[in-house]
């Protein structure tokens, strides 16, 4: 018996970084293939365009709400954030992580983006963490200045 070609689906493979992106803990992450990132973004755009209330930004109560603080400091409202999400491309993709919140479960998609918000002059790299819930809501868990290096595996695309 000879094997000419072996196909391996790499999408379920999770990579463990020995040292987390923040230098404090190990991070279990996955680099999605380009087609998967494009499909995820297409679904995000479809939801944001189809459902007026398709963007949900939860507020933190048990820790610092970096997203809310950034919104207040810069004047970024819900609609401006929505516009920024609609402009994401595969080159903004960083990695995919597992949601550790037992209530939400599923995958988190992490992106980064350089932006110049309305109230600050300097360009800021923003860390964006989001997920799709129930097929019709984009849950935006983070949208604030990045605190650590954001890696972009498809930056040249």
N, C-alpha and C. Protein backbone atom coordinates (compact mmCIF):
# COMPACT_ATOMS: atom_id res chain seq x y z
N UNK A 1 0.85 -1.19 0.00
CA UNK A 1 0.00 0.00 0.00
C UNK A 1 0.88 1.24 0.00
N UNK A 2 0.60 2.16 -0.90
CA UNK A 2 1.37 3.39 -0.93
C UNK A 2 0.44 4.58 -0.70
N UNK A 3 1.00 5.58 -0.09
CA UNK A 3 0.24 6.80 0.18
C UNK A 3 0.89 7.92 -0.63
N UNK A 4 0.10 8.49 -1.53
CA UNK A 4 0.61 9.58 -2.35
C UNK A 4 0.46 10.93 -1.67
N UNK A 5 -0.67 11.14 -1.04
CA UNK A 5 -0.97 12.42 -0.42
C UNK A 5 -1.65 12.21 0.92
N UNK A 6 -1.24 12.96 1.87
CA UNK A 6 -1.89 12.96 3.18
C UNK A 6 -2.41 14.36 3.43
N UNK A 7 -3.69 14.46 3.73
CA UNK A 7 -4.29 15.75 4.04
C UNK A 7 -4.45 15.85 5.55
N UNK A 8 -3.99 16.95 6.10
CA UNK A 8 -4.09 17.17 7.54
C UNK A 8 -4.83 18.48 7.76
N UNK A 9 -5.89 18.40 8.51
CA UNK A 9 -6.64 19.60 8.87
C UNK A 9 -5.96 20.22 10.09
N UNK A 10 -5.33 21.37 9.89
CA UNK A 10 -4.59 22.02 10.98
C UNK A 10 -5.46 22.94 11.83
N UNK A 11 -6.70 23.16 11.42
CA UNK A 11 -7.53 24.13 12.14
C UNK A 11 -7.76 23.80 13.60
N UNK A 12 -7.84 22.51 14.01
CA UNK A 12 -8.07 22.28 15.44
C UNK A 12 -6.81 22.27 16.29
N UNK A 13 -5.67 22.52 15.68
CA UNK A 13 -4.43 22.48 16.45
C UNK A 13 -4.25 23.77 17.24
N UNK A 14 -4.01 23.62 18.51
CA UNK A 14 -3.80 24.77 19.38
C UNK A 14 -2.32 24.84 19.73
N UNK A 15 -1.77 26.00 19.70
CA UNK A 15 -0.36 26.19 20.00
C UNK A 15 -0.24 26.73 21.41
N UNK A 16 0.72 26.20 22.14
CA UNK A 16 0.94 26.69 23.50
C UNK A 16 2.21 27.51 23.50
N UNK A 17 2.09 28.74 23.88
CA UNK A 17 3.26 29.60 24.03
C UNK A 17 3.81 29.36 25.41
N UNK A 18 5.10 29.13 25.50
CA UNK A 18 5.72 28.86 26.81
C UNK A 18 5.53 30.04 27.75
N UNK A 19 5.64 31.22 27.19
CA UNK A 19 5.43 32.41 28.00
C UNK A 19 4.31 33.18 27.34
N UNK A 20 3.33 33.58 28.11
CA UNK A 20 2.18 34.27 27.55
C UNK A 20 2.56 35.58 26.90
N UNK A 21 1.63 36.10 26.11
CA UNK A 21 1.86 37.37 25.42
C UNK A 21 2.09 38.50 26.41
N UNK A 22 1.55 38.35 27.61
CA UNK A 22 1.74 39.39 28.61
C UNK A 22 2.89 39.08 29.55
N UNK A 23 3.62 37.97 29.30
CA UNK A 23 4.76 37.63 30.12
C UNK A 23 4.42 37.03 31.47
N UNK A 24 3.13 36.85 31.75
CA UNK A 24 2.73 36.38 33.07
C UNK A 24 2.25 34.94 33.09
N UNK A 25 1.69 34.45 32.00
CA UNK A 25 1.11 33.11 32.01
C UNK A 25 1.20 32.48 30.64
N UNK A 26 1.05 31.19 30.59
CA UNK A 26 1.01 30.50 29.31
C UNK A 26 -0.30 30.82 28.62
N UNK A 27 -0.26 30.87 27.31
CA UNK A 27 -1.44 31.18 26.53
C UNK A 27 -1.69 30.03 25.56
N UNK A 28 -2.89 29.51 25.57
CA UNK A 28 -3.29 28.50 24.62
C UNK A 28 -3.95 29.23 23.47
N UNK A 29 -3.35 29.13 22.29
CA UNK A 29 -3.86 29.91 21.16
C UNK A 29 -3.77 29.09 19.88
N UNK A 30 -4.43 29.61 18.86
CA UNK A 30 -4.41 28.96 17.56
C UNK A 30 -4.30 30.03 16.50
N UNK A 31 -3.48 29.79 15.51
CA UNK A 31 -3.43 30.68 14.35
C UNK A 31 -4.36 30.06 13.31
N UNK A 32 -5.46 30.71 13.05
CA UNK A 32 -6.43 30.20 12.08
C UNK A 32 -5.85 30.35 10.67
N UNK A 33 -6.26 29.46 9.77
CA UNK A 33 -5.81 29.59 8.39
C UNK A 33 -6.52 30.79 7.76
N UNK A 34 -5.93 31.33 6.70
CA UNK A 34 -6.45 32.56 6.08
C UNK A 34 -7.93 32.45 5.72
N UNK A 35 -8.33 31.34 5.12
CA UNK A 35 -9.73 31.18 4.71
C UNK A 35 -10.67 31.23 5.91
N UNK A 36 -10.23 30.71 7.03
CA UNK A 36 -11.05 30.73 8.25
C UNK A 36 -11.20 32.15 8.79
N UNK A 37 -10.12 32.92 8.74
CA UNK A 37 -10.18 34.32 9.20
C UNK A 37 -11.11 35.12 8.28
N UNK A 38 -10.97 34.91 6.96
CA UNK A 38 -11.84 35.61 6.00
C UNK A 38 -13.31 35.26 6.24
N UNK A 39 -13.58 33.99 6.52
CA UNK A 39 -14.95 33.55 6.79
C UNK A 39 -15.48 34.19 8.07
N UNK A 40 -14.65 34.24 9.11
CA UNK A 40 -15.07 34.86 10.37
C UNK A 40 -15.38 36.34 10.15
N UNK A 41 -14.49 37.05 9.46
CA UNK A 41 -14.72 38.47 9.20
C UNK A 41 -15.97 38.69 8.36
N UNK A 42 -16.19 37.84 7.39
CA UNK A 42 -17.39 37.94 6.56
C UNK A 42 -18.65 37.81 7.40
N UNK A 43 -18.63 36.89 8.36
CA UNK A 43 -19.77 36.71 9.25
C UNK A 43 -19.95 37.92 10.17
N UNK A 44 -18.84 38.45 10.67
CA UNK A 44 -18.90 39.66 11.51
C UNK A 44 -19.53 40.81 10.72
N UNK A 45 -19.06 41.03 9.50
CA UNK A 45 -19.58 42.13 8.67
C UNK A 45 -21.07 41.94 8.39
N UNK A 46 -21.46 40.71 8.10
CA UNK A 46 -22.85 40.41 7.80
C UNK A 46 -23.74 40.73 9.00
N UNK A 47 -23.31 40.32 10.18
CA UNK A 47 -24.09 40.59 11.40
C UNK A 47 -24.18 42.08 11.67
N UNK A 48 -23.05 42.78 11.57
CA UNK A 48 -23.05 44.22 11.86
C UNK A 48 -23.90 44.99 10.86
N UNK A 49 -23.96 44.53 9.62
CA UNK A 49 -24.76 45.21 8.60
C UNK A 49 -26.24 44.82 8.66
N UNK A 50 -26.53 43.62 9.12
CA UNK A 50 -27.90 43.10 9.12
C UNK A 50 -28.69 43.48 10.37
N UNK A 51 -28.01 43.50 11.50
CA UNK A 51 -28.70 43.71 12.77
C UNK A 51 -28.27 45.04 13.40
N UNK A 52 -29.18 46.00 13.53
CA UNK A 52 -28.83 47.30 14.11
C UNK A 52 -28.24 47.19 15.52
N UNK A 53 -28.69 46.22 16.28
CA UNK A 53 -28.17 46.04 17.63
C UNK A 53 -27.26 44.82 17.69
N UNK A 54 -26.55 44.58 16.60
CA UNK A 54 -25.70 43.40 16.49
C UNK A 54 -24.36 43.52 17.20
N UNK A 55 -24.05 44.69 17.75
CA UNK A 55 -22.80 44.87 18.48
C UNK A 55 -23.10 45.05 19.96
N UNK A 56 -22.56 44.14 20.76
CA UNK A 56 -22.75 44.17 22.20
C UNK A 56 -21.38 44.38 22.85
N UNK A 57 -21.28 45.40 23.70
CA UNK A 57 -20.04 45.68 24.42
C UNK A 57 -20.34 45.52 25.91
N UNK A 58 -20.00 44.35 26.47
CA UNK A 58 -20.29 44.14 27.89
C UNK A 58 -19.45 45.05 28.78
N UNK A 59 -19.99 45.43 29.88
CA UNK A 59 -19.28 46.26 30.85
C UNK A 59 -18.75 45.39 31.97
N UNK A 60 -17.51 45.64 32.35
CA UNK A 60 -16.89 44.88 33.44
C UNK A 60 -17.31 45.49 34.77
N UNK A 61 -17.58 44.63 35.71
CA UNK A 61 -17.93 45.11 37.04
C UNK A 61 -16.94 44.63 38.09
N UNK A 62 -16.22 43.56 37.78
CA UNK A 62 -15.30 43.00 38.78
C UNK A 62 -13.84 43.37 38.54
N UNK A 63 -13.56 44.12 37.49
CA UNK A 63 -12.20 44.57 37.22
C UNK A 63 -12.26 45.85 36.40
N UNK A 64 -11.10 46.43 36.14
CA UNK A 64 -11.04 47.67 35.37
C UNK A 64 -11.63 47.47 33.99
N UNK A 65 -12.48 48.36 33.56
CA UNK A 65 -13.09 48.29 32.23
C UNK A 65 -12.26 49.14 31.27
N UNK A 66 -11.23 48.52 30.69
CA UNK A 66 -10.31 49.26 29.82
C UNK A 66 -11.00 49.78 28.57
N UNK A 67 -11.97 49.00 28.06
CA UNK A 67 -12.70 49.43 26.87
C UNK A 67 -13.52 50.68 27.16
N UNK A 68 -14.27 50.68 28.24
CA UNK A 68 -15.07 51.85 28.61
C UNK A 68 -14.18 53.05 28.89
N UNK A 69 -13.09 52.85 29.61
CA UNK A 69 -12.16 53.95 29.89
C UNK A 69 -11.61 54.55 28.60
N UNK A 70 -11.29 53.69 27.62
CA UNK A 70 -10.77 54.15 26.33
C UNK A 70 -11.85 54.92 25.57
N UNK A 71 -13.08 54.43 25.63
CA UNK A 71 -14.19 55.13 24.97
C UNK A 71 -14.37 56.52 25.56
N UNK A 72 -14.34 56.63 26.86
CA UNK A 72 -14.53 57.93 27.53
C UNK A 72 -13.39 58.87 27.18
N UNK A 73 -12.16 58.35 27.24
CA UNK A 73 -10.98 59.19 26.97
C UNK A 73 -10.95 59.70 25.53
N UNK A 74 -11.38 58.87 24.58
CA UNK A 74 -11.24 59.23 23.17
C UNK A 74 -12.51 59.71 22.51
N UNK A 75 -13.65 59.49 23.15
CA UNK A 75 -14.91 59.87 22.54
C UNK A 75 -15.41 58.85 21.52
N UNK A 76 -14.85 57.66 21.54
CA UNK A 76 -15.31 56.61 20.63
C UNK A 76 -16.66 56.09 21.10
N UNK A 77 -17.68 56.30 20.29
CA UNK A 77 -18.99 55.79 20.65
C UNK A 77 -19.23 54.45 19.96
N UNK A 78 -20.39 53.89 20.22
CA UNK A 78 -20.77 52.58 19.69
C UNK A 78 -20.64 52.55 18.15
N UNK A 79 -21.14 53.59 17.50
CA UNK A 79 -21.14 53.62 16.03
C UNK A 79 -19.72 53.72 15.47
N UNK A 80 -18.86 54.51 16.09
CA UNK A 80 -17.48 54.62 15.62
C UNK A 80 -16.73 53.29 15.77
N UNK A 81 -16.97 52.60 16.88
CA UNK A 81 -16.34 51.29 17.07
C UNK A 81 -16.86 50.32 16.02
N UNK A 82 -18.16 50.36 15.76
CA UNK A 82 -18.76 49.51 14.73
C UNK A 82 -18.08 49.75 13.38
N UNK A 83 -17.85 51.01 13.04
CA UNK A 83 -17.17 51.35 11.78
C UNK A 83 -15.75 50.78 11.74
N UNK A 84 -15.05 50.85 12.86
CA UNK A 84 -13.69 50.29 12.92
C UNK A 84 -13.72 48.78 12.74
N UNK A 85 -14.69 48.11 13.33
CA UNK A 85 -14.80 46.66 13.16
C UNK A 85 -15.09 46.30 11.71
N UNK A 86 -15.91 47.11 11.04
CA UNK A 86 -16.23 46.86 9.64
C UNK A 86 -15.04 47.08 8.71
N UNK A 87 -14.00 47.72 9.20
CA UNK A 87 -12.82 47.96 8.36
C UNK A 87 -11.70 46.95 8.63
N UNK A 88 -11.94 45.97 9.50
CA UNK A 88 -10.91 44.97 9.78
C UNK A 88 -10.63 44.13 8.54
N UNK A 89 -9.38 43.72 8.39
CA UNK A 89 -8.98 42.84 7.30
C UNK A 89 -8.18 41.69 7.89
N UNK A 90 -7.84 40.74 7.06
CA UNK A 90 -7.05 39.60 7.51
C UNK A 90 -5.70 40.05 8.07
N UNK A 91 -5.19 41.16 7.57
CA UNK A 91 -3.89 41.64 8.06
C UNK A 91 -3.96 42.14 9.49
N UNK A 92 -5.17 42.41 10.01
CA UNK A 92 -5.34 42.83 11.40
C UNK A 92 -5.43 41.65 12.36
N UNK A 93 -5.59 40.44 11.82
CA UNK A 93 -5.76 39.24 12.64
C UNK A 93 -4.48 38.93 13.42
N UNK A 94 -4.66 38.51 14.69
CA UNK A 94 -3.53 38.12 15.51
C UNK A 94 -3.58 36.62 15.84
N UNK A 95 -4.62 36.18 16.56
CA UNK A 95 -4.75 34.76 16.87
C UNK A 95 -6.15 34.47 17.40
N UNK A 96 -6.42 33.20 17.60
CA UNK A 96 -7.69 32.74 18.13
C UNK A 96 -7.41 32.04 19.46
N UNK A 97 -8.26 32.29 20.43
CA UNK A 97 -8.06 31.75 21.77
C UNK A 97 -9.36 31.10 22.23
N UNK A 98 -9.29 30.28 23.24
CA UNK A 98 -10.49 29.70 23.83
C UNK A 98 -11.03 30.66 24.89
N UNK A 99 -12.33 30.82 24.89
CA UNK A 99 -12.96 31.66 25.90
C UNK A 99 -12.99 30.89 27.21
N UNK A 100 -12.37 31.44 28.22
CA UNK A 100 -12.29 30.76 29.51
C UNK A 100 -13.50 31.04 30.40
N UNK A 101 -14.37 31.94 29.95
CA UNK A 101 -15.59 32.24 30.69
C UNK A 101 -16.58 31.09 30.45
N UNK A 102 -16.94 30.39 31.51
CA UNK A 102 -17.80 29.22 31.39
C UNK A 102 -19.20 29.56 30.87
N UNK A 103 -19.64 30.80 31.04
CA UNK A 103 -20.96 31.20 30.56
C UNK A 103 -20.98 31.38 29.06
N UNK A 104 -19.85 31.84 28.49
CA UNK A 104 -19.81 32.15 27.05
C UNK A 104 -19.29 30.99 26.22
N UNK A 105 -18.22 30.37 26.64
CA UNK A 105 -17.55 29.29 25.92
C UNK A 105 -17.22 29.69 24.48
N UNK A 106 -16.65 28.76 23.74
CA UNK A 106 -16.34 29.02 22.34
C UNK A 106 -14.99 29.68 22.14
N UNK A 107 -14.83 30.29 20.97
CA UNK A 107 -13.56 30.90 20.60
C UNK A 107 -13.62 32.42 20.65
N UNK A 108 -12.48 33.00 20.98
CA UNK A 108 -12.29 34.45 20.92
C UNK A 108 -11.36 34.74 19.76
N UNK A 109 -11.64 35.77 19.02
CA UNK A 109 -10.81 36.16 17.89
C UNK A 109 -10.14 37.48 18.24
N UNK A 110 -8.81 37.51 18.11
CA UNK A 110 -8.05 38.69 18.51
C UNK A 110 -7.43 39.37 17.30
N UNK A 111 -7.59 40.67 17.27
CA UNK A 111 -7.10 41.50 16.19
C UNK A 111 -6.38 42.70 16.79
N UNK A 112 -5.66 43.40 15.97
CA UNK A 112 -5.05 44.66 16.36
C UNK A 112 -5.25 45.64 15.22
N UNK A 113 -5.21 46.91 15.54
CA UNK A 113 -5.45 47.91 14.49
C UNK A 113 -4.84 49.23 14.93
N UNK A 114 -4.22 49.90 13.99
CA UNK A 114 -3.74 51.25 14.26
C UNK A 114 -4.88 52.20 13.97
N UNK A 115 -5.18 53.06 14.94
CA UNK A 115 -6.23 54.03 14.68
C UNK A 115 -5.95 55.34 15.37
N UNK A 116 -6.55 56.37 14.83
CA UNK A 116 -6.42 57.70 15.37
C UNK A 116 -7.81 58.16 15.80
N UNK A 117 -8.16 57.89 17.04
CA UNK A 117 -9.51 58.24 17.51
C UNK A 117 -9.79 59.74 17.43
N UNK A 118 -11.02 60.12 17.50
CA UNK A 118 -11.41 61.52 17.35
C UNK A 118 -10.75 62.50 18.32
N UNK A 119 -10.46 62.05 19.53
CA UNK A 119 -9.97 63.01 20.52
C UNK A 119 -8.49 62.91 20.85
N UNK A 120 -7.74 62.06 20.18
CA UNK A 120 -6.30 62.02 20.41
C UNK A 120 -5.58 62.12 19.07
N UNK A 121 -4.44 62.77 19.11
CA UNK A 121 -3.71 63.04 17.88
C UNK A 121 -2.81 61.90 17.44
N UNK A 122 -2.27 61.20 18.40
CA UNK A 122 -1.29 60.18 18.03
C UNK A 122 -1.96 58.85 17.66
N UNK A 123 -1.35 58.17 16.71
CA UNK A 123 -1.84 56.86 16.29
C UNK A 123 -1.63 55.87 17.42
N UNK A 124 -2.65 55.06 17.67
CA UNK A 124 -2.63 54.10 18.77
C UNK A 124 -2.94 52.71 18.24
N UNK A 125 -2.13 51.72 18.67
CA UNK A 125 -2.45 50.34 18.33
C UNK A 125 -3.51 49.86 19.31
N UNK A 126 -4.64 49.42 18.77
CA UNK A 126 -5.76 48.98 19.58
C UNK A 126 -5.86 47.46 19.55
N UNK A 127 -6.05 46.89 20.72
CA UNK A 127 -6.24 45.45 20.91
C UNK A 127 -7.74 45.17 20.85
N UNK A 128 -8.14 44.27 19.96
CA UNK A 128 -9.56 43.99 19.74
C UNK A 128 -9.82 42.50 19.98
N UNK A 129 -10.73 42.21 20.89
CA UNK A 129 -11.09 40.82 21.18
C UNK A 129 -12.59 40.69 21.00
N UNK A 130 -12.99 39.77 20.11
CA UNK A 130 -14.41 39.62 19.87
C UNK A 130 -14.80 38.19 19.60
N UNK A 131 -16.09 37.96 19.64
CA UNK A 131 -16.63 36.64 19.32
C UNK A 131 -18.05 36.80 18.81
N UNK A 132 -18.50 35.78 18.13
CA UNK A 132 -19.87 35.77 17.62
C UNK A 132 -20.71 34.94 18.58
N UNK A 133 -21.84 35.50 19.02
CA UNK A 133 -22.74 34.79 19.93
C UNK A 133 -24.09 34.59 19.26
N UNK A 134 -24.60 33.40 19.35
CA UNK A 134 -25.94 33.05 18.84
C UNK A 134 -26.12 33.39 17.37
N UNK A 135 -25.02 33.52 16.63
CA UNK A 135 -25.09 33.78 15.21
C UNK A 135 -25.62 35.13 14.79
N UNK A 136 -25.87 36.01 15.77
CA UNK A 136 -26.43 37.32 15.40
C UNK A 136 -25.95 38.48 16.26
N UNK A 137 -24.99 38.21 17.13
CA UNK A 137 -24.47 39.28 17.99
C UNK A 137 -22.94 39.20 18.00
N UNK A 138 -22.31 40.34 17.79
CA UNK A 138 -20.86 40.44 17.95
C UNK A 138 -20.62 40.93 19.36
N UNK A 139 -19.97 40.11 20.15
CA UNK A 139 -19.64 40.47 21.52
C UNK A 139 -18.21 41.01 21.52
N UNK A 140 -18.07 42.29 21.77
CA UNK A 140 -16.77 42.95 21.78
C UNK A 140 -16.26 43.01 23.21
N UNK A 141 -15.29 42.15 23.52
CA UNK A 141 -14.79 42.03 24.89
C UNK A 141 -13.65 42.99 25.18
N UNK A 142 -12.92 43.40 24.16
CA UNK A 142 -11.81 44.35 24.35
C UNK A 142 -11.69 45.26 23.14
N UNK A 143 -11.50 46.52 23.41
CA UNK A 143 -11.21 47.53 22.39
C UNK A 143 -10.51 48.67 23.12
N UNK A 144 -9.19 48.53 23.25
CA UNK A 144 -8.42 49.50 24.02
C UNK A 144 -6.96 49.44 23.56
N UNK A 145 -6.14 50.41 23.97
CA UNK A 145 -4.73 50.36 23.56
C UNK A 145 -4.08 49.05 23.97
N UNK A 146 -3.29 48.50 23.05
CA UNK A 146 -2.62 47.24 23.37
C UNK A 146 -1.57 47.50 24.44
N UNK A 147 -1.47 46.55 25.34
CA UNK A 147 -0.51 46.66 26.43
C UNK A 147 0.74 45.84 26.16
N UNK A 148 0.66 44.95 25.19
CA UNK A 148 1.76 44.06 24.85
C UNK A 148 1.86 44.00 23.33
N UNK A 149 2.94 43.43 22.85
CA UNK A 149 3.13 43.31 21.41
C UNK A 149 2.02 42.45 20.80
N UNK A 150 1.39 42.97 19.78
CA UNK A 150 0.39 42.22 19.05
C UNK A 150 1.08 41.68 17.81
N UNK A 151 0.96 40.38 17.60
CA UNK A 151 1.59 39.74 16.44
C UNK A 151 0.56 39.58 15.34
N UNK A 152 1.00 39.80 14.11
CA UNK A 152 0.11 39.74 12.95
C UNK A 152 0.63 38.72 11.94
N UNK A 153 0.16 37.47 12.00
CA UNK A 153 0.69 36.45 11.10
C UNK A 153 0.42 36.70 9.62
N UNK A 154 -0.61 37.49 9.30
CA UNK A 154 -0.96 37.76 7.91
C UNK A 154 -0.79 39.23 7.54
N UNK A 155 0.15 39.89 8.18
CA UNK A 155 0.34 41.33 8.00
C UNK A 155 0.64 41.71 6.56
N UNK A 156 1.27 40.83 5.79
CA UNK A 156 1.61 41.15 4.41
C UNK A 156 0.47 40.95 3.45
N UNK A 157 -0.68 40.47 3.95
CA UNK A 157 -1.81 40.16 3.05
C UNK A 157 -2.75 41.32 2.91
